Every structure is written in structure tokens, then in C-alpha cells.
């Protein structure tokens, strides 16, 4: 089934489908995302299964979804 040797490491990627779907539904909106390193504010520009792209003025942040604690859309 797998083409790797039995003693070699296997790459595993965790996908959080509900967080991913929620982030995709608010692309183009301003959010506050709290991470293990602190909050990030800005507009969601893109979402991939493993990260979200946030833009605030001239700065772009690539935040790993696994580091997100909570997301709050700004009104």
C-alpha cells in the first residue's frame, strides 16, 4: 500500500476541517486571530489546509492553522 520502507519516517499532516471551512467562509473580512505567540489582526487574504494569509497594511502574515487558538471576525 505504501511505497516507503517500513523503517523510514512517514509524513503526517493534521487538517482541522472545521477551522479550515470557517476561515474559508470569511475570506476578505477583517479578523483577530489569537495564536500561541499572540494575536494577529488583519484581513484574511487566502486560506490553505495548513495556513491562513493575513494582511494588515503593508505586512503579510502566514499563520499555521495548528497555532490558532481562536478566531474573531471584526464587525
N, C-alpha and C. Protein backbone atom coordinates (compact mmCIF):
# COMPACT_ATOMS: atom_id res chain seq x y z
N UNK A 1 0.81 -1.18 0.00
CA UNK A 1 0.00 0.00 0.00
C UNK A 1 0.86 1.26 0.00
N UNK A 2 1.91 1.29 0.84
CA UNK A 2 2.80 2.43 0.89
C UNK A 2 4.10 2.07 0.20
N UNK A 3 4.69 3.05 -0.51
CA UNK A 3 5.92 2.77 -1.23
C UNK A 3 7.16 3.00 -0.38
N UNK A 4 7.00 3.43 0.86
CA UNK A 4 8.15 3.67 1.73
C UNK A 4 8.58 2.39 2.43
N UNK A 5 9.86 2.35 2.76
CA UNK A 5 10.36 1.21 3.53
C UNK A 5 9.73 1.24 4.92
N UNK A 6 9.51 0.10 5.54
CA UNK A 6 8.82 0.07 6.84
C UNK A 6 9.54 0.81 7.96
N UNK A 7 10.87 0.98 7.86
CA UNK A 7 11.60 1.64 8.94
C UNK A 7 11.85 3.13 8.67
N UNK A 8 11.37 3.67 7.55
CA UNK A 8 11.59 5.09 7.27
C UNK A 8 10.42 5.92 7.83
N UNK A 9 10.70 7.18 8.19
CA UNK A 9 9.63 8.02 8.76
C UNK A 9 8.55 8.33 7.72
N UNK A 10 7.32 8.48 8.20
CA UNK A 10 6.21 8.79 7.32
C UNK A 10 5.69 10.18 7.68
N UNK A 11 5.45 11.01 6.67
CA UNK A 11 4.93 12.35 6.91
C UNK A 11 3.43 12.28 7.19
N UNK A 12 3.03 12.96 8.25
CA UNK A 12 1.62 13.02 8.63
C UNK A 12 1.24 14.49 8.73
N UNK A 13 0.11 14.88 8.14
CA UNK A 13 -0.34 16.26 8.19
C UNK A 13 -1.72 16.31 8.83
N UNK A 14 -1.84 17.10 9.88
CA UNK A 14 -3.12 17.25 10.57
C UNK A 14 -3.91 18.37 9.91
N UNK A 15 -5.12 18.08 9.51
CA UNK A 15 -6.01 19.08 8.93
C UNK A 15 -7.20 19.24 9.87
N UNK A 16 -7.51 20.48 10.21
CA UNK A 16 -8.67 20.75 11.06
C UNK A 16 -9.79 21.26 10.15
N UNK A 17 -10.67 20.36 9.70
CA UNK A 17 -11.64 20.73 8.66
C UNK A 17 -12.62 21.83 9.05
N UNK A 18 -13.03 21.89 10.31
CA UNK A 18 -14.00 22.93 10.70
C UNK A 18 -13.34 24.30 10.78
N UNK A 19 -12.12 24.37 11.29
CA UNK A 19 -11.39 25.64 11.33
C UNK A 19 -11.11 26.10 9.90
N UNK A 20 -10.67 25.18 9.06
CA UNK A 20 -10.39 25.49 7.65
C UNK A 20 -11.65 26.03 6.96
N UNK A 21 -12.79 25.36 7.13
CA UNK A 21 -14.04 25.79 6.50
C UNK A 21 -14.49 27.15 7.02
N UNK A 22 -14.34 27.38 8.31
CA UNK A 22 -14.72 28.67 8.89
C UNK A 22 -13.86 29.78 8.32
N UNK A 23 -12.55 29.57 8.27
CA UNK A 23 -11.65 30.58 7.72
C UNK A 23 -11.96 30.86 6.25
N UNK A 24 -12.25 29.81 5.48
CA UNK A 24 -12.60 29.99 4.06
C UNK A 24 -13.87 30.82 3.91
N UNK A 25 -14.80 30.68 4.84
CA UNK A 25 -16.08 31.40 4.73
C UNK A 25 -15.95 32.89 5.04
N UNK A 26 -14.83 33.31 5.64
CA UNK A 26 -14.66 34.73 5.97
C UNK A 26 -13.47 35.36 5.25
N UNK A 27 -13.06 34.78 4.12
CA UNK A 27 -12.02 35.40 3.29
C UNK A 27 -12.50 36.79 2.88
N UNK A 28 -11.60 37.77 2.98
CA UNK A 28 -11.94 39.15 2.64
C UNK A 28 -12.46 39.97 3.80
N UNK A 29 -12.63 39.35 4.96
CA UNK A 29 -13.12 40.06 6.15
C UNK A 29 -11.97 40.29 7.12
N UNK A 30 -12.12 41.32 7.95
CA UNK A 30 -11.13 41.60 8.99
C UNK A 30 -11.37 40.68 10.17
N UNK A 31 -10.28 40.20 10.76
CA UNK A 31 -10.37 39.28 11.89
C UNK A 31 -9.29 39.58 12.91
N UNK A 32 -9.50 39.06 14.10
CA UNK A 32 -8.45 38.94 15.10
C UNK A 32 -8.25 37.45 15.29
N UNK A 33 -7.01 36.99 15.13
CA UNK A 33 -6.68 35.59 15.33
C UNK A 33 -5.71 35.50 16.50
N UNK A 34 -6.10 34.77 17.52
CA UNK A 34 -5.20 34.58 18.66
C UNK A 34 -4.40 33.31 18.42
N UNK A 35 -3.09 33.42 18.55
CA UNK A 35 -2.20 32.28 18.34
C UNK A 35 -1.41 32.02 19.60
N UNK A 36 -0.65 30.96 19.59
CA UNK A 36 0.20 30.64 20.74
C UNK A 36 1.28 31.70 20.95
N UNK A 37 1.54 32.54 19.93
CA UNK A 37 2.54 33.61 20.04
C UNK A 37 1.91 34.98 20.24
N UNK A 38 0.58 35.06 20.31
CA UNK A 38 -0.10 36.34 20.49
C UNK A 38 -1.08 36.61 19.35
N UNK A 39 -1.85 37.71 19.47
CA UNK A 39 -2.88 38.00 18.48
C UNK A 39 -2.33 38.57 17.18
N UNK A 40 -3.04 38.30 16.08
CA UNK A 40 -2.74 38.85 14.77
C UNK A 40 -4.04 39.47 14.25
N UNK A 41 -3.97 40.74 13.85
CA UNK A 41 -5.14 41.44 13.30
C UNK A 41 -4.92 41.67 11.82
N UNK A 42 -6.00 41.65 11.05
CA UNK A 42 -5.90 41.98 9.63
C UNK A 42 -7.00 41.34 8.83
N UNK A 43 -6.85 41.42 7.50
CA UNK A 43 -7.84 40.87 6.58
C UNK A 43 -7.35 39.52 6.07
N UNK A 44 -8.25 38.55 6.05
CA UNK A 44 -7.90 37.23 5.51
C UNK A 44 -7.82 37.34 4.00
N UNK A 45 -6.66 37.03 3.45
CA UNK A 45 -6.44 37.09 2.01
C UNK A 45 -6.55 35.72 1.35
N UNK A 46 -6.12 34.67 2.06
CA UNK A 46 -6.14 33.32 1.48
C UNK A 46 -6.13 32.31 2.62
N UNK A 47 -6.64 31.12 2.33
CA UNK A 47 -6.65 30.04 3.32
C UNK A 47 -6.24 28.76 2.61
N UNK A 48 -5.30 28.06 3.18
CA UNK A 48 -4.85 26.75 2.71
C UNK A 48 -5.10 25.75 3.83
N UNK A 49 -5.04 24.45 3.56
CA UNK A 49 -5.31 23.46 4.62
C UNK A 49 -4.40 23.59 5.84
N UNK A 50 -3.18 24.15 5.66
CA UNK A 50 -2.26 24.23 6.79
C UNK A 50 -1.97 25.65 7.27
N UNK A 51 -2.37 26.69 6.53
CA UNK A 51 -2.09 28.05 6.96
C UNK A 51 -3.12 29.04 6.42
N UNK A 52 -3.13 30.22 7.03
CA UNK A 52 -4.00 31.32 6.61
C UNK A 52 -3.11 32.53 6.36
N UNK A 53 -3.45 33.32 5.33
CA UNK A 53 -2.68 34.52 4.99
C UNK A 53 -3.48 35.73 5.45
N UNK A 54 -2.87 36.53 6.33
CA UNK A 54 -3.48 37.73 6.89
C UNK A 54 -2.68 38.93 6.42
N UNK A 55 -3.38 39.97 5.95
CA UNK A 55 -2.70 41.19 5.53
C UNK A 55 -3.18 42.36 6.37
N UNK A 56 -2.23 43.12 6.89
CA UNK A 56 -2.52 44.34 7.66
C UNK A 56 -1.60 45.42 7.13
N UNK A 57 -2.17 46.39 6.42
CA UNK A 57 -1.42 47.46 5.75
C UNK A 57 -0.41 46.83 4.81
N UNK A 58 0.89 47.10 4.99
CA UNK A 58 1.92 46.56 4.10
C UNK A 58 2.50 45.24 4.60
N UNK A 59 2.00 44.73 5.70
CA UNK A 59 2.55 43.49 6.28
C UNK A 59 1.65 42.30 5.95
N UNK A 60 2.29 41.19 5.61
CA UNK A 60 1.58 39.94 5.34
C UNK A 60 2.05 38.90 6.34
N UNK A 61 1.09 38.20 6.95
CA UNK A 61 1.40 37.18 7.94
C UNK A 61 0.89 35.83 7.45
N UNK A 62 1.71 34.81 7.56
CA UNK A 62 1.33 33.44 7.23
C UNK A 62 1.24 32.69 8.56
N UNK A 63 0.02 32.37 8.97
CA UNK A 63 -0.21 31.77 10.29
C UNK A 63 -0.58 30.30 10.11
N UNK A 64 0.15 29.42 10.76
CA UNK A 64 -0.19 27.99 10.72
C UNK A 64 -1.50 27.75 11.45
N UNK A 65 -2.41 27.03 10.82
CA UNK A 65 -3.71 26.76 11.44
C UNK A 65 -3.54 26.01 12.76
N UNK A 66 -2.52 25.17 12.86
CA UNK A 66 -2.31 24.42 14.10
C UNK A 66 -1.92 25.32 15.27
N UNK A 67 -1.51 26.58 15.00
CA UNK A 67 -1.14 27.53 16.05
C UNK A 67 -2.31 28.41 16.47
N UNK A 68 -3.46 28.32 15.79
CA UNK A 68 -4.60 29.18 16.09
C UNK A 68 -5.34 28.66 17.32
N UNK A 69 -5.63 29.58 18.25
CA UNK A 69 -6.41 29.26 19.45
C UNK A 69 -7.87 29.63 19.21
N UNK A 70 -8.11 30.86 18.73
CA UNK A 70 -9.47 31.27 18.37
C UNK A 70 -9.43 32.32 17.28
N UNK A 71 -10.59 32.51 16.61
CA UNK A 71 -10.74 33.49 15.54
C UNK A 71 -11.97 34.32 15.84
N UNK A 72 -11.84 35.66 15.70
CA UNK A 72 -12.99 36.54 15.92
C UNK A 72 -13.10 37.53 14.76
N UNK A 73 -14.15 37.41 13.94
CA UNK A 73 -14.36 38.41 12.89
C UNK A 73 -14.64 39.77 13.52
N UNK A 74 -14.07 40.83 12.92
CA UNK A 74 -14.35 42.18 13.40
C UNK A 74 -15.61 42.69 12.74
N UNK A 75 -16.39 43.49 13.47
CA UNK A 75 -17.64 44.00 12.88
C UNK A 75 -17.48 45.39 12.33
